[in-house]
Protein backbone atom coordinates (compact mmCIF):
# COMPACT_ATOMS: atom_id res chain seq x y z
CA MET A 1 96.15 116.07 137.31
CA ASN A 2 98.26 114.14 139.84
CA ALA A 3 98.17 110.69 141.33
CA TYR A 4 96.71 111.71 144.65
CA SER A 5 93.15 111.84 145.82
CA PRO A 6 92.23 115.20 147.48
CA PRO A 7 92.90 114.01 151.02
CA LEU A 8 96.29 112.63 150.07
CA ARG A 9 97.02 115.79 148.08
CA GLN A 10 96.22 117.84 151.20
CA ALA A 11 98.52 115.59 153.18
CA ALA A 12 101.26 116.21 150.68
CA ARG A 13 100.72 119.96 151.16
CA TRP A 14 100.96 119.48 154.97
CA LEU A 15 104.17 117.55 154.54
CA ALA A 16 105.60 120.45 152.43
CA LEU A 17 104.81 122.85 155.23
CA ALA A 18 106.44 120.48 157.72
CA LEU A 19 109.53 120.34 155.55
CA VAL A 20 109.75 124.08 155.64
CA GLY A 21 110.05 123.88 159.41
CA CYS A 22 112.89 121.37 159.06
CA GLY A 23 114.68 123.63 156.58
CA TRP A 24 114.32 121.13 153.84
CA LEU A 25 111.98 122.81 151.32
CA MET A 26 113.58 124.50 148.35
CA THR A 27 114.49 128.16 148.60
CA LEU A 28 113.46 130.45 145.72
CA ARG A 29 115.94 132.69 143.90
CA ALA A 30 115.66 134.13 140.45
CA GLY A 31 117.50 132.41 137.65
CA ALA A 32 119.94 134.81 135.94
CA GLY A 33 119.94 133.60 132.40
CA ASN A 34 118.78 135.46 129.27
CA TRP A 35 116.41 134.56 126.40
CA VAL A 36 117.42 135.43 122.85
CA THR A 37 115.16 134.91 119.80
CA VAL A 38 116.66 133.03 116.84
CA ALA A 39 116.70 135.69 114.10
CA SER A 40 115.40 133.59 111.15
CA PRO A 41 112.53 131.10 111.10
CA PRO A 42 112.80 127.68 109.46
CA PRO A 43 111.90 127.41 105.71
CA ASN A 44 108.25 128.14 105.01
CA ASN A 45 107.83 128.98 108.70
CA HIS A 46 107.48 125.31 109.71
CA GLY A 47 107.19 124.54 113.36
CA ILE A 48 110.15 122.65 114.83
CA GLY A 49 109.92 119.56 117.04
CA MET A 50 112.88 117.25 117.55
CA MET A 51 116.35 118.74 117.40
CA LEU A 52 119.65 116.84 117.24
CA LEU A 53 123.22 118.24 117.44
CA LEU A 54 125.11 116.79 114.50
CA SER A 55 128.86 116.21 114.93
CA ASP A 56 129.80 119.09 112.70
CA GLY A 57 128.19 121.62 114.97
CA THR A 58 125.02 122.09 112.99
CA VAL A 59 121.52 121.30 114.31
CA MET A 60 119.16 118.85 112.53
CA CYS A 61 115.52 119.66 113.14
CA SER A 62 112.29 117.87 112.18
CA ALA A 63 109.09 119.68 111.27
CA SER A 64 106.42 119.32 113.92
CA ASP A 65 103.67 120.41 111.56
CA ASP A 66 104.42 118.02 108.71
CA THR A 67 101.04 116.88 107.39
CA ASN A 68 102.18 115.70 103.97
CA ASN A 69 103.91 112.48 105.13
CA LEU A 70 107.17 113.71 103.54
CA GLY A 71 109.39 113.67 106.62
CA LEU A 72 110.56 117.25 106.49
CA TRP A 73 113.91 117.99 108.12
CA PHE A 74 115.99 121.18 108.28
CA ARG A 75 119.51 122.15 109.28
CA LEU A 76 120.40 125.23 111.39
CA THR A 77 123.99 126.34 110.69
CA PRO A 78 125.71 128.88 112.96
CA ASP A 79 126.95 132.06 111.26
CA GLN A 80 130.59 132.77 110.47
CA TYR A 81 131.18 133.82 114.13
CA GLY A 82 129.60 130.78 115.62
CA SER A 83 126.24 132.32 116.50
CA TYR A 84 123.20 130.03 116.33
CA VAL A 85 120.92 132.98 117.07
CA ASN A 86 122.06 134.48 113.76
CA GLY A 87 122.29 131.15 112.02
CA SER A 88 120.89 130.17 108.64
CA TRP A 89 118.43 127.42 107.60
CA THR A 90 118.61 124.87 104.81
CA SER A 91 116.32 121.98 103.88
CA LEU A 92 117.60 118.42 104.20
CA ALA A 93 116.58 115.35 102.22
CA HIS A 94 113.04 114.16 102.89
CA ALA A 95 112.91 111.09 105.08
CA GLY A 96 109.87 109.83 103.17
CA TYR A 97 107.96 109.32 106.40
CA SER A 98 106.49 111.73 108.92
CA ARG A 99 107.09 111.36 112.67
CA LEU A 100 106.01 113.08 115.82
CA TYR A 101 107.29 111.82 119.26
CA TYR A 102 109.83 109.11 118.44
CA THR A 103 113.11 107.53 119.23
CA SER A 104 116.28 109.36 118.08
CA ASP A 105 119.99 109.00 118.73
CA MET A 106 123.36 109.96 117.34
CA LEU A 107 125.55 107.00 116.44
CA SER A 108 129.32 106.87 116.97
CA ASN A 109 130.00 107.10 113.25
CA GLY A 110 128.20 110.48 113.09
CA THR A 111 125.00 109.26 111.56
CA VAL A 112 121.51 109.66 112.98
CA PHE A 113 119.20 106.81 114.16
CA VAL A 114 115.37 107.31 114.31
CA ALA A 115 112.67 104.76 114.97
CA GLY A 116 108.92 104.72 115.02
CA GLY A 117 106.74 107.49 116.29
CA GLU A 118 103.50 108.09 118.18
CA TYR A 119 102.01 109.80 115.18
CA GLY A 120 102.74 109.85 111.48
CA SER A 121 103.48 107.40 108.70
CA GLY A 122 106.92 106.56 110.16
CA LYS A 123 105.74 104.77 113.29
CA PHE A 124 106.49 101.39 111.67
CA ILE A 125 109.82 102.46 110.18
CA ILE A 126 113.41 102.54 111.48
CA GLN A 127 115.90 104.69 109.54
CA THR A 128 119.35 106.17 109.61
CA TYR A 129 120.41 109.51 108.16
CA ASP A 130 123.93 110.19 106.79
CA PRO A 131 124.66 113.92 107.15
CA VAL A 132 127.63 113.75 104.66
CA ALA A 133 125.66 112.11 101.88
CA ASN A 134 122.35 113.85 103.02
CA ALA A 135 120.62 110.57 102.51
CA TRP A 136 118.28 108.24 104.47
CA SER A 137 118.43 104.48 104.68
CA GLN A 138 115.90 102.02 106.14
CA LEU A 139 116.83 99.34 108.67
CA HIS A 140 115.12 96.00 108.86
CA PRO A 141 115.33 94.18 112.18
CA PRO A 142 114.61 90.43 112.20
CA THR A 143 110.81 89.74 112.01
CA ASN A 144 110.97 87.67 115.23
CA LEU A 145 111.91 90.88 117.03
CA TYR A 146 110.00 93.44 115.04
CA ASN A 147 107.32 92.56 112.48
CA THR A 148 105.37 95.36 110.90
CA ASN A 149 103.06 92.75 109.27
CA LEU A 150 101.86 92.00 112.80
CA GLY A 151 101.32 95.65 113.53
CA ASP A 152 104.48 96.23 115.54
CA TYR A 153 105.49 99.84 115.85
CA PHE A 154 107.48 102.04 118.22
CA ALA A 155 105.40 104.56 120.20
CA ASP A 156 105.99 105.87 123.72
CA THR A 157 109.37 104.12 123.52
CA ILE A 158 112.68 105.29 124.96
CA SER A 159 116.23 104.68 123.81
CA ALA A 160 119.81 105.31 124.95
CA VAL A 161 123.24 104.66 123.45
CA VAL A 162 125.31 102.41 125.74
CA PRO A 163 129.04 102.95 126.14
CA ASN A 164 130.04 100.53 123.35
CA GLY A 165 127.84 102.49 120.84
CA SER A 166 124.90 100.08 120.66
CA VAL A 167 121.36 101.50 120.80
CA LEU A 168 119.12 100.15 123.58
CA MET A 169 115.40 100.56 122.81
CA SER A 170 112.32 99.75 124.90
CA PRO A 171 109.90 97.25 123.43
CA ALA A 172 107.69 97.95 120.42
CA LEU A 173 103.99 98.13 120.91
CA ASN A 174 101.75 95.26 119.90
CA ASN A 175 104.75 92.74 119.79
CA PRO A 176 103.69 89.56 121.64
CA GLY A 177 107.00 87.96 120.90
CA LEU A 178 109.11 90.67 122.38
CA GLY A 179 107.15 91.02 125.60
CA ASN A 180 109.07 92.97 128.23
CA GLU A 181 112.52 92.65 126.71
CA ALA A 182 114.29 95.59 125.11
CA LEU A 183 115.94 95.64 121.72
CA LEU A 184 119.67 96.16 121.19
CA TYR A 185 121.08 97.41 117.88
CA ASN A 186 124.84 97.16 117.10
CA PRO A 187 125.36 99.76 114.31
CA GLY A 188 128.91 98.55 113.47
CA ALA A 189 127.87 94.89 112.88
CA ASN A 190 124.28 95.83 111.80
CA VAL A 191 123.07 93.15 114.25
CA TRP A 192 119.84 93.14 116.33
CA THR A 193 119.41 91.20 119.55
CA ASN A 194 117.25 91.54 122.62
CA THR A 195 118.00 91.89 126.38
CA SER A 196 116.92 89.92 129.37
CA MET A 197 113.46 90.42 130.70
CA LEU A 198 112.73 93.64 132.65
CA ALA A 199 113.61 92.94 136.29
CA GLN A 200 110.66 94.36 138.30
CA GLY A 201 107.76 92.49 136.58
CA VAL A 202 106.52 95.47 134.59
CA THR A 203 105.22 94.80 131.11
CA SER A 204 106.89 97.55 129.22
CA GLN A 205 108.96 100.77 129.45
CA GLY A 206 106.30 102.87 127.69
CA GLU A 207 106.26 106.54 128.64
CA ASP A 208 109.46 106.03 130.71
CA THR A 209 112.64 108.12 130.96
CA TRP A 210 116.13 106.61 130.90
CA THR A 211 119.33 108.03 132.31
CA LYS A 212 122.89 106.94 131.56
CA LEU A 213 125.04 106.66 134.66
CA PRO A 214 128.91 106.93 134.86
CA ASP A 215 129.15 103.12 135.37
CA GLY A 216 127.54 102.69 131.89
CA SER A 217 124.26 101.37 133.16
CA ILE A 218 120.89 102.75 132.11
CA LEU A 219 118.56 103.78 134.99
CA THR A 220 114.75 103.80 134.72
CA VAL A 221 111.83 104.48 137.10
CA ASP A 222 109.26 101.78 136.39
CA GLY A 223 105.87 102.79 135.20
CA THR A 224 102.73 101.43 133.68
CA LEU A 225 100.16 102.68 131.17
CA THR A 226 97.24 102.02 133.57
CA GLY A 227 96.67 101.91 137.26
CA ASN A 228 99.14 102.83 139.97
CA PRO A 229 102.72 102.19 138.96
CA PRO A 230 105.08 100.27 141.28
CA HIS A 231 107.53 102.47 143.24
CA THR A 232 110.44 100.58 141.75
CA SER A 233 113.46 101.26 139.60
CA GLU A 234 115.82 99.12 137.67
CA ARG A 235 118.99 99.36 135.55
CA TYR A 236 120.26 97.82 132.34
CA ILE A 237 123.83 96.49 132.77
CA PRO A 238 125.51 96.50 129.29
CA ALA A 239 128.26 93.98 130.30
CA LEU A 240 125.64 91.53 131.32
CA ASN A 241 123.01 92.42 128.71
CA GLN A 242 120.63 92.19 131.67
CA TRP A 243 118.13 94.27 133.61
CA ILE A 244 118.55 94.21 137.40
CA ALA A 245 116.30 95.38 140.13
CA ASP A 246 117.30 98.58 141.93
CA ALA A 247 116.05 100.57 144.89
CA LYS A 248 112.38 101.32 145.73
CA LEU A 249 111.29 104.99 145.51
CA PRO A 250 109.62 106.58 148.57
CA VAL A 251 106.89 108.02 146.41
CA SER A 252 105.63 107.65 142.91
CA LEU A 253 106.92 110.07 140.33
CA TRP A 254 104.20 109.34 137.78
CA ASN A 255 101.15 111.44 136.87
CA ILE A 256 98.33 108.96 136.68
CA VAL A 257 95.14 110.14 134.95
CA GLN A 258 92.09 107.85 134.98
CA PRO A 259 88.74 108.11 133.22
CA PRO A 260 86.59 110.10 132.98
CA LYS A 261 89.13 112.93 132.94
CA GLY A 262 91.82 111.02 131.01
CA GLY A 263 92.45 107.88 129.11
CA GLY A 264 94.11 105.92 131.86
CA SER A 265 97.65 106.88 131.06
CA CYS A 266 100.64 108.22 132.94
CA GLU A 267 103.58 110.58 132.39
CA ILE A 268 106.91 111.46 133.89
CA GLY A 269 109.47 114.24 133.23
CA PRO A 270 113.09 114.26 132.22
CA GLY A 271 115.89 112.31 133.92
CA LEU A 272 119.36 113.90 134.03
CA LEU A 273 122.65 113.16 135.67
CA LEU A 274 123.82 116.02 137.91
CA PRO A 275 127.49 117.08 138.28
CA ASN A 276 127.54 115.68 141.85
CA GLY A 277 126.82 112.17 140.40
CA GLN A 278 123.12 112.00 141.44
CA ALA A 279 120.41 111.41 138.91
CA PHE A 280 117.58 114.00 138.94
CA TYR A 281 114.12 112.81 137.86
CA ALA A 282 111.38 115.42 137.52
CA GLY A 283 108.05 113.82 138.33
CA GLY A 284 104.73 114.32 136.61
CA ASN A 285 102.81 114.61 139.93
CA GLY A 286 104.59 117.43 141.81
CA TRP A 287 107.43 115.32 143.19
CA TYR A 288 111.02 114.81 142.05
CA GLY A 289 113.56 112.17 142.82
CA LEU A 290 117.27 112.13 143.52
CA TYR A 291 118.99 108.86 142.93
CA THR A 292 122.54 108.15 144.33
CA PRO A 293 124.21 105.38 142.24
CA SER A 294 126.17 102.57 143.93
CA GLY A 295 128.70 102.50 141.05
CA SER A 296 128.26 98.73 140.80
CA THR A 297 125.46 96.22 140.41
CA ASN A 298 124.36 96.91 143.95
CA ALA A 299 121.23 98.99 144.40
CA GLY A 300 121.52 102.75 144.74
CA SER A 301 119.29 104.83 146.88
CA TRP A 302 116.40 107.29 146.30
CA ALA A 303 115.12 110.46 148.04
CA ALA A 304 112.05 112.42 147.01
CA TYR A 305 111.03 116.02 147.44
CA MET A 306 108.25 118.25 146.21
CA ILE A 307 108.71 120.39 143.14
CA THR A 308 108.15 124.12 143.83
CA ASN A 309 104.67 125.75 143.90
CA GLY A 310 102.90 122.44 143.26
CA LEU A 311 104.07 122.31 139.61
CA GLU A 312 104.52 119.21 137.57
CA SER A 313 106.68 117.91 134.79
CA ALA A 314 104.52 115.46 132.87
CA ASP A 315 105.99 114.78 129.45
CA MET A 316 108.22 117.89 129.59
CA PRO A 317 111.85 118.54 128.62
CA GLY A 318 114.88 119.41 130.71
CA SER A 319 118.55 120.20 130.06
CA ILE A 320 121.70 120.08 132.15
CA MET A 321 123.33 123.44 131.32
CA ALA A 322 127.06 124.13 131.22
CA ASN A 323 126.79 125.70 134.68
CA GLY A 324 125.48 122.44 136.11
CA LYS A 325 121.90 123.63 136.74
CA VAL A 326 118.80 122.04 135.14
CA LEU A 327 116.66 124.15 132.85
CA LEU A 328 113.03 122.94 133.19
CA ILE A 329 109.62 123.67 131.81
CA LEU A 330 106.87 123.01 134.46
CA ALA A 331 103.11 123.31 134.50
CA ASN A 332 100.09 122.32 136.61
CA ASN A 333 96.79 120.54 135.97
CA CYS A 334 98.49 118.11 133.54
CA THR A 335 96.38 115.43 131.93
CA ASP A 336 96.84 112.11 130.17
CA VAL A 337 98.57 114.01 127.32
CA GLY A 338 100.97 115.59 129.79
CA CYS A 339 101.10 119.33 130.25
CA LEU A 340 100.19 120.22 126.68
CA GLY A 341 98.00 123.30 126.52
CA GLN A 342 98.74 124.45 130.07
CA PRO A 343 100.67 127.67 130.83
CA TYR A 344 104.38 126.86 130.96
CA TYR A 345 106.73 128.06 133.72
CA PHE A 346 110.47 128.05 133.30
CA TYR A 347 112.75 127.18 136.19
CA GLU A 348 116.37 126.44 136.98
CA TYR A 349 117.04 123.61 139.45
CA ASP A 350 120.23 124.31 141.34
CA TYR A 351 121.44 121.10 143.10
CA THR A 352 124.03 123.02 145.17
CA VAL A 353 121.52 125.05 147.23
CA ASN A 354 120.42 123.58 150.55
CA SER A 355 122.16 120.36 149.66
CA PRO A 356 120.94 117.71 149.10
CA VAL A 357 117.49 119.15 148.36
CA GLY A 358 118.36 121.87 145.90
CA ALA A 359 116.44 124.96 144.88
CA PHE A 360 114.01 125.87 142.04
CA LEU A 361 114.85 129.28 140.67
CA PRO A 362 112.15 131.01 138.60
CA VAL A 363 113.18 132.10 135.09
CA THR A 364 111.48 134.92 133.29
CA ALA A 365 109.37 133.35 130.56
CA PRO A 366 110.43 134.11 126.96
CA THR A 367 108.37 136.48 124.92
CA ASN A 368 107.30 133.47 122.78
CA GLN A 369 105.00 131.35 124.96
CA PHE A 370 105.37 128.26 122.65
CA GLY A 371 102.24 126.91 121.06
CA GLY A 372 101.18 123.56 119.62
CA THR A 373 103.29 120.63 120.56
CA VAL A 374 105.44 120.50 123.66
CA PRO A 375 108.86 122.27 123.26
CA PHE A 376 112.14 120.39 123.02
CA MET A 377 115.51 121.42 124.33
CA LEU A 378 119.05 120.91 122.99
CA ASN A 379 122.44 121.73 124.39
CA LEU A 380 124.58 123.75 121.95
CA PRO A 381 128.37 123.69 121.71
CA ASP A 382 128.59 127.34 122.76
CA GLY A 383 127.10 126.65 126.19
CA THR A 384 123.55 127.80 125.44
CA VAL A 385 120.30 125.81 125.16
CA LEU A 386 118.18 125.85 122.01
CA VAL A 387 114.42 125.57 122.76
CA SER A 388 112.03 124.65 119.96
CA SER A 389 108.69 126.27 119.83
CA GLY A 390 106.49 123.27 119.35
CA GLY A 391 103.99 124.13 116.61
CA THR A 392 105.28 127.62 115.81
CA ALA A 393 108.22 128.67 113.71
CA GLN A 394 109.93 130.68 116.44
CA LEU A 395 112.94 129.24 118.25
CA MET A 396 114.59 130.58 121.39
CA VAL A 397 118.07 130.34 122.86
CA TYR A 398 118.60 130.36 126.62
CA GLN A 399 121.96 131.79 127.76
CA PRO A 400 122.67 130.61 131.29
CA SER A 401 124.74 132.66 133.73
CA GLY A 402 127.79 131.50 135.69
CA SER A 403 130.84 129.43 134.84
CA PRO A 404 131.03 125.98 133.24
CA VAL A 405 131.28 123.05 135.68
CA ALA A 406 134.94 122.26 136.02
CA SER A 407 134.49 118.49 136.14
CA GLY A 408 132.78 118.58 132.77
CA LYS A 409 135.71 120.19 130.98
CA PRO A 410 137.35 118.03 128.35
CA VAL A 411 141.16 117.92 127.98
CA ILE A 412 143.00 117.51 124.73
CA THR A 413 146.13 115.35 124.87
CA SER A 414 147.16 115.07 121.22
CA ILE A 415 146.15 115.61 117.62
CA THR A 416 147.81 113.66 114.86
CA PRO A 417 147.03 113.50 111.10
CA ASN A 418 145.74 110.39 109.37
CA ALA A 419 146.62 109.30 105.87
CA ASP A 420 143.04 109.93 104.59
CA ASN A 421 143.16 113.71 105.30
CA SER A 422 141.40 113.27 108.69
CA PHE A 423 142.85 113.77 112.15
CA HIS A 424 143.00 111.73 115.37
CA LEU A 425 142.33 113.50 118.61
CA VAL A 426 143.01 111.88 122.01
CA GLY A 427 141.94 113.35 125.31
CA THR A 428 139.84 112.90 128.45
CA GLY A 429 136.27 113.85 129.19
CA LEU A 430 135.39 114.03 125.50
CA ASN A 431 131.83 112.91 126.12
CA GLY A 432 131.16 115.10 129.11
CA ILE A 433 129.58 114.18 132.45
CA SER A 434 125.92 113.91 131.41
CA GLU A 435 123.78 113.26 128.33
CA GLY A 436 122.85 116.93 127.97
CA SER A 437 119.06 117.20 127.42
CA SER A 438 116.20 114.77 128.13
CA PHE A 439 112.54 114.53 127.34
CA GLY A 440 111.72 110.87 127.98
CA ASP A 441 109.75 108.64 125.64
CA ASP A 442 108.86 111.39 123.19
CA GLY A 443 112.33 112.39 122.24
CA GLN A 444 116.00 111.79 122.93
CA MET A 445 118.39 114.71 122.35
CA ALA A 446 121.55 113.49 123.96
CA SER A 447 124.73 115.35 123.06
CA ASP A 448 127.28 113.22 124.94
CA TYR A 449 129.97 113.15 122.24
CA PRO A 450 132.87 115.45 121.18
CA VAL A 451 132.30 118.47 118.95
CA ILE A 452 135.36 120.43 117.69
CA ARG A 453 135.32 124.19 117.16
CA LEU A 454 138.11 126.18 115.45
CA THR A 455 138.43 129.90 115.82
CA ASN A 456 140.63 132.20 113.69
CA PRO A 457 142.36 134.37 116.31
CA SER A 458 142.79 137.27 113.90
CA SER A 459 139.31 137.45 112.39
CA GLY A 460 137.25 135.74 114.98
CA GLN A 461 135.70 133.50 112.38
CA VAL A 462 134.45 130.09 113.67
CA TYR A 463 134.55 126.74 111.89
CA TYR A 464 133.39 123.36 113.08
CA ALA A 465 135.15 120.12 112.15
CA ARG A 466 133.07 116.87 111.76
CA THR A 467 133.82 114.25 114.40
CA TYR A 468 133.10 110.50 114.00
CA ASN A 469 134.21 107.08 115.22
CA TRP A 470 134.14 108.08 118.85
CA SER A 471 135.94 105.52 120.90
CA SER A 472 133.20 105.40 123.57
CA PHE A 473 129.76 106.63 124.54
CA ALA A 474 130.62 106.53 128.26
CA ILE A 475 130.18 109.65 130.37
CA GLY A 476 131.98 110.87 133.42
CA THR A 477 135.10 108.81 132.68
CA GLY A 478 137.57 111.04 134.52
CA ASN A 479 141.14 110.50 133.35
CA GLN A 480 140.33 107.55 131.06
CA PRO A 481 141.67 108.25 127.53
CA GLU A 482 139.09 108.68 124.81
CA ALA A 483 139.56 109.42 121.08
CA THR A 484 137.73 110.68 118.01
CA GLU A 485 138.52 111.18 114.38
CA PHE A 486 137.65 114.49 112.71
CA THR A 487 137.69 116.05 109.26
CA LEU A 488 138.10 119.77 108.59
CA PRO A 489 135.72 121.80 106.37
CA SER A 490 136.92 121.67 102.76
CA ASN A 491 136.94 125.45 102.53
CA LEU A 492 138.99 126.02 105.76
CA PRO A 493 141.78 128.49 105.08
CA PRO A 494 145.28 127.59 106.32
CA GLY A 495 145.82 128.16 110.09
CA PRO A 496 146.75 128.81 112.76
CA TYR A 497 143.51 128.29 114.74
CA SER A 498 142.48 128.08 118.32
CA LEU A 499 140.91 124.62 118.66
CA VAL A 500 138.68 123.40 121.44
CA VAL A 501 136.62 120.25 121.88
CA THR A 502 133.25 120.69 123.55
CA ALA A 503 130.97 118.25 125.36
CA ASN A 504 127.44 119.45 126.22
CA GLY A 505 128.48 123.05 125.79
CA ILE A 506 131.60 122.83 128.05
CA ALA A 507 134.82 123.62 126.16
CA SER A 508 138.29 122.39 126.75
CA ASP A 509 141.26 124.69 127.01
CA PRO A 510 142.29 125.77 123.53
CA VAL A 511 145.24 124.44 121.64
CA THR A 512 146.94 125.90 118.66
CA PHE A 513 146.09 123.97 115.50
CA PHE A 514 147.65 124.66 112.12
CA GLY A 515 145.15 124.01 109.43
CA PRO A 516 147.15 122.41 106.70
CA VAL A 517 148.22 124.21 103.55
CA TYR A 518 147.15 121.89 100.75
CA VAL A 519 149.15 121.29 97.63
CA ASN A 520 148.12 119.15 94.69
CA PHE A 521 150.76 118.71 92.02
CA ASN A 522 148.03 117.86 89.56
CA ALA A 523 145.93 120.96 90.37
CA THR A 524 144.41 122.61 87.26
CA SER A 525 141.91 125.03 88.76
CA ASP A 526 142.34 128.81 88.22
CA PHE A 527 141.43 129.23 91.96
CA GLN A 528 144.29 128.18 94.20
CA PHE A 529 143.97 129.24 97.82
CA GLY A 530 145.76 126.49 99.69
CA THR A 531 142.54 124.84 100.92
CA TYR A 532 141.61 121.21 100.31
CA GLU A 533 138.96 122.38 97.85
CA TYR A 534 141.26 124.74 96.07
CA PRO A 535 144.89 123.65 96.70
CA TYR A 536 148.07 125.20 95.44
CA GLY A 537 149.70 123.54 92.42
CA THR A 538 153.40 123.84 93.52
CA LEU A 539 155.34 123.01 96.60
CA ALA A 540 156.96 126.51 96.56
CA GLU A 541 153.53 128.14 96.86
CA GLY A 542 152.86 125.88 99.88
CA THR A 543 156.12 126.62 101.66
CA ASN A 544 155.67 130.30 101.16
CA ALA A 545 152.17 130.26 102.61
CA VAL A 546 152.60 127.88 105.47
CA ALA A 547 153.21 129.37 108.93
CA SER A 548 156.30 128.45 110.91
CA GLY A 549 155.64 125.12 112.61
CA GLY A 550 152.62 124.50 110.34
CA THR A 551 151.77 121.55 108.04
CA ILE A 552 151.69 121.10 104.31
CA ALA A 553 149.38 118.26 103.14
CA LEU A 554 150.31 116.81 99.69
CA ILE A 555 147.16 115.59 98.03
CA GLY A 556 147.92 112.37 96.11
CA SER A 557 144.38 111.44 95.05
CA THR A 558 145.53 111.64 91.39
CA GLN A 559 148.53 109.61 90.44
CA PRO A 560 151.29 110.06 89.67
CA SER A 561 151.76 112.84 92.14
CA VAL A 562 155.34 114.03 91.55
CA SER A 563 157.14 117.38 91.93
CA THR A 564 160.62 117.92 90.35
CA GLN A 565 160.80 121.51 91.66
CA ALA A 566 163.90 122.36 93.68
CA ILE A 567 163.04 124.47 96.68
CA LYS A 568 164.72 125.79 99.83
CA ILE A 569 162.94 125.39 103.13
CA ALA A 570 163.91 128.02 105.65
CA LYS A 571 161.37 127.54 108.47
CA PRO A 572 160.17 124.48 110.44
CA MET A 573 157.17 122.68 108.94
CA THR A 574 155.65 119.27 108.64
CA LEU A 575 154.97 117.56 105.26
CA ILE A 576 152.37 114.83 105.10
CA ALA A 577 150.80 112.87 102.24
CA VAL A 578 147.02 112.42 102.08
CA LYS A 579 144.80 110.40 99.72
CA GLY A 580 147.83 108.67 98.22
CA PRO A 581 151.64 108.97 98.01
CA SER A 582 153.49 112.03 96.68
CA THR A 583 157.10 112.20 95.52
CA ILE A 584 159.32 115.27 95.84
CA GLY A 585 162.58 115.83 94.01
CA GLN A 586 162.44 113.42 91.07
């Protein structure tokens, strides 16, 4: 269903034909990507809904068919050669609450933030998940902002992580105190505040889609749960903690469904930042918008065009692929529950064709047609897109064609060791030039943070480090330095390795990284391989094993850490102390 009456819809069709004559309507070419089926299903064949890329390269997935109120979550780990298609599944700790269609974000310390839900027992609950401890914790905002005793809960809400790492969330439902202000959560200080009032007089941001822009602001197309929405947009400015009015749209992008066919609701599709700096919004009514930012607090500008073949994107996902194109799921005859239950059509949107209009390129549908809940999308570090199957246990991977966008390529400047056995990486473009994937109010799957991959050049085996304490959540920062800390897998054999940092599937140029040879003078294990988990017991073993130019890390977690062994060093190497001081030669 769309927002137009039949006469207006016919006028829209006439306008499309007129645009053909002007050379403005999208051309059609076939998308050249490939679908590959994930080899193994999740445990017990559970359907998969939300998917989040953890900072260690694994994928955290929630069960979409959880009826036991247990909060079932799983982890997909790529195989030894980095393949997600051939990856393996494990079960994670139960969250204790079930959720379907909810707010989700990665925090800069590498933990996961989830809040509310449209369905399930968790719609009143806000939690964080620690992937290292495999443990859930509950957050408790002040009751003047969020009070479950008054029936407050998060449903049809949207969130985004602003450049300083705080989580911006649209208002909770049923909260008369919050009104049309958004919540702001600072994870480092564990402090909750609210923002200014929404700028355009709307009462909420329910069902909306937010997009992070290079200036750090958050863009939204205003909507409403009933009636015709205003053709307005606005932005949240983090430095001001304020919403400001932005440009008016030439048409509505909302799918409005009124009784008797629907429940008086409205839907919109994903919003994604394109490599050319424009924001792409897929509409729920057969239109899509292109927003050109001003780069300041001045208003940007909007243009609107028709989606190909009269298709719609009401409550549907999208993903900016490594090649810069947008992978979309489209449908027609969508209702107040979006496009659920309609045949799905896959397209690539190529913004470079017939600029500035772009082209929708049909993609051959995967063999699995996806049943149950609407699919989700997630950008993977290898440049592919993982697509969940809604209510079924089958996942698919889309492998796009073409080369990665050059402007999205991170650059590594330096890597230095820390005293706690972690490393400090400095570079540019570590968060990429977009948020990656978008759904809107029903799920946030942003992957705009650095992920580090190490490849053994001899065996081809792949390992992922765990990144955390990202210096910023800003995107499209150009030559501005950024940094992250990272830890190596405890079972990582000594180097050398080819190391890259990826952002939304686009990898930096590789640098040679020598995984340390670990030595612990207090080691007692019969297994000594030079890894952190099984270190050598003598410095001589370490110097014999280390490559020329490599690093020996002396583990001083047990004191005293002393070696009186006399050795001769005949090749260049670096010696560092981790987890405490170590003494050599006494």
